[in-house]
Amino acid sequence: MASTTDDARLREYERSFRRAGLPLFSEDIDAAEDIFNRAAALLGLVFLGEILGAGNLDWSWWQNALAIAGGLAILLVAIGLANRARGRPFSAIPRRLGRTELAGFVLLPSLLPLLFGGQLGSAAVTAAANLLLLGLIYAVVGLGLVSIVRWVLTRIVSQLRSALSLIARAVPLLAIFVLLSFPTQELWEIFSNPTRGIFATIIGMLALLGVAFLAVRLPREARRLEDEAGGDSPPLRRRQLFNVELVMFVSQATQVLLVSLMIGVFLTVFGVLAVADEIRIRWLESPGNELLGFELFGEHLELTAELLRVATGLAAFSGFYFSIAIFTDSTYRHEFLEEMTSEMRESFSERTEYLRLRERLGAGAGSESATIGG
């Protein structure tokens, strides 16, 4: 009865870790058993569906049917040979998705377009899509990305409070930047003239720079968080420390996103009220592309595509600025780490009890085996 109760406590600790966005605090997670095996049905459907890659739109229906049948035969023979190499029956269904099975999932379907028609592009796309799918499964199931996002969303009020705190601290610099850059012809030309692809690339570059800065700084902060919140817990292993870094990254990225959204909304409203047709014509030599027009206090106000572009560009730049300020502003950095420490201290404390319970159960099982052997 005691053993059953202890097993239930272990499972409850592991559920608590997952709810906190820290599933890798569990000691028994195995990529094959606990992550990819759970997605075996999905991977099997995708694997079978990609047999269609043996076909070609330029062929007749009977040529495609023969190619698909040939592709199916190739995949089945490859699976059979892998079974025999592992000492299993030729027609056995793999019960554990290890590295060999996952490599086959990526490579075998991508070979079909090459063998049937020499479709190199299709082969590369198939392999890349399968790799992306495996990465997504690992992130969602293995790293608990959904749990982390859920945990962050439950803290959205505190996230917003922290973001507002940082905005309040940076208001002088932000006000100077916005007031000097927003009402300038050069800025409107920069963000209004590029094509959609170039504009998206500019915004993506700013976002990528912010993400890179967070990613570089977080390992050091995660170690510091472990030192402050870990207490007497055993040191985290590398994958567990990465889990802590991921929680911190999502939390900080959420704050940066909130800051960017608030600035973007403010600039959009301000631009609708302050930037009239005459100003846009002087800056852009045209009134712009009106998306929405309405009357307010006897004035005709317009929301234009150009205004949205400028507001988005400044919001993205501000988000990049805040991603740097998060760790360079010593006061805010201290507040953030203090908040994260207090919230994670419970998880670290539970991990200590969890490891003690596992050790006690392991010792008990060893004593029981010795008694039986005697």
Protein backbone atom coordinates (compact mmCIF):
# COMPACT_ATOMS: atom_id res chain seq x y z
CA MET A 1 0.00 0.00 0.00
CA ALA A 2 2.87 2.35 0.89
CA SER A 3 4.53 1.65 -2.44
CA THR A 4 1.29 2.40 -4.29
CA THR A 5 0.94 5.68 -2.42
CA ASP A 6 4.55 6.62 -3.15
CA ASP A 7 4.11 5.85 -6.85
CA ALA A 8 1.05 8.09 -6.89
CA ARG A 9 3.08 10.87 -5.24
CA LEU A 10 5.78 10.48 -7.88
CA ARG A 11 3.21 10.81 -10.65
CA GLU A 12 1.72 13.86 -8.94
CA TYR A 13 5.15 15.49 -8.69
CA GLU A 14 5.70 14.86 -12.41
CA ARG A 15 2.29 16.32 -13.26
CA SER A 16 3.18 19.36 -11.16
CA PHE A 17 6.44 19.80 -13.06
CA ARG A 18 4.57 19.67 -16.35
CA ARG A 19 1.99 22.21 -15.15
CA ALA A 20 4.87 24.53 -14.23
CA GLY A 21 6.36 24.15 -17.70
CA LEU A 22 9.24 22.01 -16.40
CA PRO A 23 8.51 18.47 -17.68
CA LEU A 24 12.24 17.65 -17.93
CA PHE A 25 12.48 17.79 -14.13
CA SER A 26 11.06 14.26 -14.37
CA GLU A 27 13.93 11.79 -14.31
CA ASP A 28 12.46 9.01 -16.44
CA ILE A 29 11.73 10.92 -19.66
CA ASP A 30 13.03 9.08 -22.72
CA ALA A 31 12.74 10.52 -26.21
CA ALA A 32 11.68 7.18 -27.71
CA GLU A 33 9.34 6.00 -24.95
CA ASP A 34 7.81 9.23 -23.68
CA ILE A 35 7.87 11.59 -26.66
CA PHE A 36 7.88 10.05 -30.11
CA ASN A 37 6.01 6.87 -29.11
CA ARG A 38 3.08 9.08 -28.09
CA ALA A 39 3.01 10.46 -31.62
CA ALA A 40 3.46 7.09 -33.32
CA ALA A 41 -0.03 7.12 -34.85
CA LEU A 42 0.49 10.60 -36.33
CA LEU A 43 3.93 9.71 -37.65
CA GLY A 44 2.55 6.50 -39.19
CA LEU A 45 -0.20 8.39 -41.02
CA VAL A 46 2.28 10.96 -42.33
CA PHE A 47 4.67 8.18 -43.37
CA LEU A 48 1.98 6.38 -45.36
CA GLY A 49 0.64 9.61 -46.84
CA GLU A 50 4.07 10.49 -48.19
CA ILE A 51 3.99 7.43 -50.43
CA LEU A 52 2.14 9.77 -52.78
CA GLY A 53 5.50 11.51 -53.27
CA ALA A 54 6.37 8.71 -55.69
CA GLY A 55 3.77 10.09 -58.10
CA ASN A 56 4.12 12.88 -60.63
CA LEU A 57 1.46 15.28 -61.87
CA ASP A 58 2.80 14.97 -65.41
CA TRP A 59 2.18 11.20 -65.52
CA SER A 60 -0.98 9.32 -66.41
CA TRP A 61 -3.10 7.74 -63.67
CA TRP A 62 -1.79 4.21 -64.28
CA GLN A 63 1.82 5.41 -64.18
CA ASN A 64 1.15 7.13 -60.87
CA ALA A 65 -0.57 4.00 -59.54
CA LEU A 66 2.45 1.86 -60.44
CA ALA A 67 4.84 4.40 -58.92
CA ILE A 68 2.86 4.60 -55.68
CA ALA A 69 2.69 0.80 -55.48
CA GLY A 70 6.43 0.64 -56.06
CA GLY A 71 7.01 3.28 -53.39
CA LEU A 72 4.91 1.31 -50.91
CA ALA A 73 6.89 -1.83 -51.67
CA ILE A 74 10.19 0.01 -51.14
CA LEU A 75 9.08 1.40 -47.78
CA LEU A 76 7.79 -1.98 -46.56
CA VAL A 77 11.01 -3.75 -47.59
CA ALA A 78 13.09 -1.06 -45.86
CA ILE A 79 11.05 -1.45 -42.65
CA GLY A 80 11.42 -5.23 -42.88
CA LEU A 81 15.19 -5.02 -43.29
CA ALA A 82 15.42 -2.67 -40.30
CA ASN A 83 13.39 -5.20 -38.26
CA ARG A 84 15.74 -8.04 -39.19
CA ALA A 85 18.77 -5.88 -38.32
CA ARG A 86 17.30 -5.40 -34.85
CA GLY A 87 16.51 -9.09 -34.46
CA ARG A 88 12.77 -8.71 -34.95
CA PRO A 89 10.49 -10.57 -37.38
CA PHE A 90 10.54 -9.13 -40.90
CA SER A 91 6.87 -8.04 -40.73
CA ALA A 92 6.93 -6.75 -37.14
CA ILE A 93 5.54 -3.30 -36.35
CA PRO A 94 8.16 -1.17 -34.52
CA ARG A 95 7.13 -0.68 -30.90
CA ARG A 96 9.84 1.80 -30.04
CA LEU A 97 10.74 4.80 -32.18
CA GLY A 98 14.48 5.13 -31.69
CA ARG A 99 17.07 6.92 -33.80
CA THR A 100 16.98 4.32 -36.55
CA GLU A 101 13.19 4.54 -36.94
CA LEU A 102 13.23 8.34 -36.83
CA ALA A 103 16.02 8.50 -39.43
CA GLY A 104 13.94 6.19 -41.64
CA PHE A 105 10.91 8.45 -41.15
CA VAL A 106 12.92 11.42 -42.46
CA LEU A 107 14.94 9.76 -45.23
CA LEU A 108 12.83 6.98 -46.73
CA PRO A 109 9.85 9.10 -47.92
CA SER A 110 12.26 11.69 -49.33
CA LEU A 111 13.91 9.01 -51.48
CA LEU A 112 10.69 8.24 -53.34
CA PRO A 113 10.54 11.48 -55.39
CA LEU A 114 14.20 10.95 -56.30
CA LEU A 115 13.73 7.36 -57.41
CA PHE A 116 10.51 8.07 -59.30
CA GLY A 117 11.18 11.05 -61.54
CA GLY A 118 14.34 12.57 -60.05
CA GLN A 119 12.34 15.23 -58.20
CA LEU A 120 15.15 16.71 -56.11
CA GLY A 121 13.13 19.69 -54.89
CA SER A 122 10.26 17.51 -53.73
CA ALA A 123 12.71 15.20 -51.93
CA ALA A 124 14.32 18.10 -50.06
CA VAL A 125 10.94 19.55 -49.08
CA THR A 126 9.76 16.15 -47.79
CA ALA A 127 12.87 15.64 -45.66
CA ALA A 128 12.71 19.19 -44.29
CA ALA A 129 9.00 18.88 -43.48
CA ASN A 130 9.55 15.59 -41.64
CA LEU A 131 12.42 17.08 -39.64
CA LEU A 132 10.25 20.06 -38.77
CA LEU A 133 7.44 17.75 -37.67
CA LEU A 134 9.79 15.79 -35.38
CA GLY A 135 11.11 19.04 -33.92
CA LEU A 136 7.58 20.28 -33.30
CA ILE A 137 6.62 17.01 -31.60
CA TYR A 138 9.70 17.18 -29.40
CA ALA A 139 8.97 20.80 -28.46
CA VAL A 140 5.29 20.21 -27.69
CA VAL A 141 5.55 16.82 -25.96
CA GLY A 142 9.15 16.62 -24.75
CA LEU A 143 9.83 20.21 -23.71
CA GLY A 144 6.24 20.88 -22.68
CA LEU A 145 5.93 23.96 -24.88
CA VAL A 146 2.14 23.94 -24.55
CA SER A 147 2.47 23.69 -20.76
CA ILE A 148 4.97 26.56 -20.75
CA VAL A 149 2.66 28.76 -22.82
CA ARG A 150 -0.26 27.86 -20.55
CA TRP A 151 1.85 28.72 -17.51
CA VAL A 152 2.82 32.05 -19.05
CA LEU A 153 -0.80 32.85 -19.92
CA THR A 154 -1.85 32.26 -16.30
CA ARG A 155 0.74 34.89 -15.38
CA ILE A 156 -0.35 37.35 -18.05
CA VAL A 157 -1.35 39.97 -15.47
CA SER A 158 2.06 39.91 -13.81
CA GLN A 159 3.67 39.85 -17.26
CA LEU A 160 1.72 42.98 -18.17
CA ARG A 161 2.64 44.62 -14.88
CA SER A 162 6.32 43.93 -15.49
CA ALA A 163 6.07 45.23 -19.03
CA LEU A 164 4.38 48.43 -17.84
CA SER A 165 7.07 48.80 -15.19
CA LEU A 166 9.77 48.64 -17.84
CA ILE A 167 7.90 51.08 -20.08
CA ALA A 168 7.54 53.53 -17.18
CA ARG A 169 11.26 53.29 -16.49
CA ALA A 170 12.14 53.82 -20.13
CA VAL A 171 9.55 56.53 -20.89
CA PRO A 172 12.06 59.39 -21.25
CA LEU A 173 14.16 57.52 -23.80
CA LEU A 174 11.12 56.07 -25.51
CA ALA A 175 9.38 59.45 -25.71
CA ILE A 176 12.44 61.08 -27.24
CA PHE A 177 12.83 58.25 -29.75
CA VAL A 178 9.17 58.24 -30.78
CA LEU A 179 8.75 62.01 -30.90
CA LEU A 180 11.87 62.47 -33.00
CA SER A 181 11.34 59.55 -35.38
CA PHE A 182 7.60 59.06 -35.87
CA PRO A 183 6.79 62.44 -37.47
CA THR A 184 9.65 62.36 -39.98
CA GLN A 185 9.38 62.01 -43.72
CA GLU A 186 12.40 59.69 -43.91
CA LEU A 187 10.88 57.15 -41.53
CA TRP A 188 7.58 57.08 -43.41
CA GLU A 189 9.43 56.61 -46.69
CA ILE A 190 11.55 53.80 -45.25
CA PHE A 191 8.57 51.76 -44.08
CA SER A 192 6.05 52.74 -46.78
CA ASN A 193 8.05 52.14 -49.97
CA PRO A 194 9.36 48.54 -49.62
CA THR A 195 7.39 45.63 -51.01
CA ARG A 196 5.62 43.35 -48.56
CA GLY A 197 8.45 40.84 -48.74
CA ILE A 198 11.15 43.40 -47.94
CA PHE A 199 9.03 44.93 -45.16
CA ALA A 200 8.45 41.50 -43.60
CA THR A 201 12.19 40.81 -43.84
CA ILE A 202 13.00 44.04 -41.98
CA ILE A 203 10.54 43.20 -39.18
CA GLY A 204 11.85 39.63 -39.08
CA MET A 205 15.44 40.85 -38.73
CA LEU A 206 14.53 43.03 -35.74
CA ALA A 207 12.64 40.14 -34.13
CA LEU A 208 15.53 37.75 -34.79
CA LEU A 209 18.03 40.14 -33.20
CA GLY A 210 15.87 40.38 -30.10
CA VAL A 211 15.52 36.61 -29.89
CA ALA A 212 19.29 36.17 -30.33
CA PHE A 213 20.05 38.59 -27.52
CA LEU A 214 17.68 36.80 -25.15
CA ALA A 215 19.07 33.40 -26.13
CA VAL A 216 22.66 34.50 -25.47
CA ARG A 217 21.96 36.00 -22.05
CA LEU A 218 19.54 33.42 -20.67
CA PRO A 219 21.97 30.54 -19.84
CA ARG A 220 23.83 32.73 -17.35
CA GLU A 221 20.57 33.96 -15.81
CA ALA A 222 19.23 30.41 -15.60
CA ARG A 223 22.32 29.33 -13.65
CA ARG A 224 21.84 32.26 -11.31
CA LEU A 225 18.19 31.36 -10.88
CA GLU A 226 19.16 27.79 -10.04
CA ASP A 227 21.63 29.03 -7.42
CA GLU A 228 19.01 31.24 -5.78
CA ALA A 229 15.97 28.96 -6.01
CA GLY A 230 17.56 25.52 -6.01
CA GLY A 231 18.52 25.45 -2.35
CA ASP A 232 19.71 21.96 -1.39
CA SER A 233 18.49 20.38 -4.64
CA PRO A 234 21.02 18.41 -6.68
CA PRO A 235 22.42 20.40 -9.64
CA LEU A 236 20.27 20.39 -12.72
CA ARG A 237 21.35 18.31 -15.67
CA ARG A 238 21.92 20.09 -18.98
CA ARG A 239 18.52 19.25 -20.45
CA GLN A 240 16.78 20.33 -17.22
CA LEU A 241 18.67 23.60 -17.20
CA PHE A 242 17.62 24.09 -20.83
CA ASN A 243 14.01 23.59 -19.71
CA VAL A 244 14.45 26.41 -17.17
CA GLU A 245 16.00 28.59 -19.89
CA LEU A 246 13.04 27.87 -22.16
CA VAL A 247 10.55 28.92 -19.45
CA MET A 248 12.49 32.14 -18.90
CA PHE A 249 12.70 32.75 -22.66
CA VAL A 250 8.97 32.33 -23.24
CA SER A 251 8.22 34.54 -20.24
CA GLN A 252 10.52 37.30 -21.46
CA ALA A 253 9.40 36.97 -25.08
CA THR A 254 5.81 37.41 -23.90
CA GLN A 255 6.74 40.62 -22.12
CA VAL A 256 8.56 41.92 -25.19
CA LEU A 257 5.54 41.06 -27.34
CA LEU A 258 3.20 42.88 -24.95
CA VAL A 259 5.43 45.95 -24.98
CA SER A 260 5.58 45.91 -28.78
CA LEU A 261 1.81 45.54 -29.09
CA MET A 262 1.15 48.41 -26.68
CA ILE A 263 3.54 50.71 -28.52
CA GLY A 264 2.13 49.68 -31.89
CA VAL A 265 -1.45 50.38 -30.75
CA PHE A 266 -0.47 53.73 -29.25
CA LEU A 267 1.33 54.85 -32.42
CA THR A 268 -1.58 53.73 -34.59
CA VAL A 269 -4.11 55.71 -32.54
CA PHE A 270 -1.78 58.70 -32.36
CA GLY A 271 -1.17 58.59 -36.11
CA VAL A 272 -4.90 58.41 -36.91
CA LEU A 273 -5.50 61.50 -34.76
CA ALA A 274 -2.44 63.54 -35.69
CA VAL A 275 -1.34 62.65 -39.24
CA ALA A 276 -3.81 64.21 -41.66
CA ASP A 277 -4.08 63.96 -45.45
CA GLU A 278 -2.00 67.10 -46.00
CA ILE A 279 0.89 65.75 -43.96
CA ARG A 280 0.86 62.37 -45.72
CA ILE A 281 0.78 64.08 -49.12
CA ARG A 282 3.79 66.21 -48.13
CA TRP A 283 5.69 63.15 -46.86
CA LEU A 284 4.63 60.51 -49.40
CA GLU A 285 3.35 62.61 -52.32
CA SER A 286 0.02 60.81 -51.93
CA PRO A 287 -2.68 60.52 -49.24
CA GLY A 288 -1.92 56.83 -48.84
CA ASN A 289 -4.13 53.75 -49.02
CA GLU A 290 -7.12 54.24 -46.76
CA LEU A 291 -8.20 51.12 -44.85
CA LEU A 292 -10.79 52.73 -42.58
CA GLY A 293 -12.37 56.17 -42.46
CA PHE A 294 -14.67 57.68 -39.84
CA GLU A 295 -15.85 61.00 -38.39
CA LEU A 296 -14.79 62.21 -34.93
CA PHE A 297 -15.54 65.66 -33.50
CA GLY A 298 -16.37 66.89 -36.96
CA GLU A 299 -13.07 65.70 -38.43
CA HIS A 300 -12.61 62.95 -40.99
CA LEU A 301 -9.98 60.54 -39.70
CA GLU A 302 -8.31 57.76 -41.68
CA LEU A 303 -6.42 54.61 -40.89
CA THR A 304 -3.99 53.96 -43.74
CA ALA A 305 -1.79 51.05 -44.70
CA GLU A 306 1.24 53.34 -44.51
CA LEU A 307 0.43 54.30 -40.92
CA LEU A 308 0.15 50.63 -39.94
CA ARG A 309 3.53 49.94 -41.51
CA VAL A 310 5.22 52.78 -39.65
CA ALA A 311 3.59 51.80 -36.35
CA THR A 312 4.59 48.16 -36.87
CA GLY A 313 8.17 49.09 -37.73
CA LEU A 314 8.58 51.30 -34.67
CA ALA A 315 6.91 48.68 -32.48
CA ALA A 316 9.34 46.02 -33.73
CA PHE A 317 12.30 48.29 -33.09
CA SER A 318 10.96 49.08 -29.61
CA GLY A 319 10.57 45.35 -28.93
CA PHE A 320 14.22 44.86 -29.88
CA TYR A 321 15.17 47.71 -27.56
CA PHE A 322 13.21 46.19 -24.68
CA SER A 323 14.73 42.75 -25.21
CA ILE A 324 18.09 44.40 -24.55
CA ALA A 325 16.84 46.52 -21.64
CA ILE A 326 15.50 43.44 -19.87
CA PHE A 327 18.99 42.34 -18.92
CA THR A 328 20.95 45.59 -19.16
CA ASP A 329 18.61 47.49 -16.83
CA SER A 330 19.89 46.28 -13.45
CA THR A 331 16.75 47.24 -11.51
CA TYR A 332 14.37 45.50 -13.88
CA ARG A 333 16.68 42.50 -14.17
CA HIS A 334 16.67 42.15 -10.38
CA GLU A 335 12.86 42.43 -10.27
CA PHE A 336 12.43 39.83 -13.00
CA LEU A 337 14.83 37.32 -11.41
CA GLU A 338 13.26 37.87 -7.99
CA GLU A 339 9.80 37.17 -9.43
CA MET A 340 10.99 34.09 -11.31
CA THR A 341 12.87 32.85 -8.23
CA SER A 342 9.83 33.08 -5.98
CA GLU A 343 7.65 31.28 -8.51
CA MET A 344 10.16 28.52 -9.28
CA ARG A 345 11.24 27.94 -5.70
CA GLU A 346 8.23 25.67 -5.21
CA SER A 347 9.19 23.59 -8.25
CA PHE A 348 12.77 23.24 -7.03
CA SER A 349 11.52 22.26 -3.57
CA GLU A 350 9.21 19.65 -5.10
CA ARG A 351 12.14 18.36 -7.17
CA THR A 352 14.15 17.82 -3.98
CA GLU A 353 11.31 15.79 -2.41
CA TYR A 354 10.77 13.99 -5.71
CA LEU A 355 14.41 12.87 -5.93
CA ARG A 356 14.43 11.78 -2.27
CA LEU A 357 11.29 9.73 -2.84
CA ARG A 358 12.78 8.12 -5.95
CA GLU A 359 15.96 7.30 -4.07
CA ARG A 360 14.00 5.77 -1.18
CA LEU A 361 11.85 3.70 -3.51
CA GLY A 362 14.96 2.52 -5.38
CA ALA A 363 16.67 1.54 -2.15
CA GLY A 364 13.53 -0.27 -1.01
CA ALA A 365 13.33 -2.19 -4.26
CA GLY A 366 16.99 -3.17 -3.93
CA SER A 367 16.51 -4.43 -0.38
CA GLU A 368 13.46 -6.41 -1.43
CA SER A 369 15.42 -8.06 -4.27
CA ALA A 370 18.25 -8.95 -1.90
CA THR A 371 15.81 -10.51 0.54
CA ILE A 372 14.19 -12.57 -2.19
CA GLY A 373 17.60 -13.70 -3.50
CA GLY A 374 18.66 -14.75 0.04
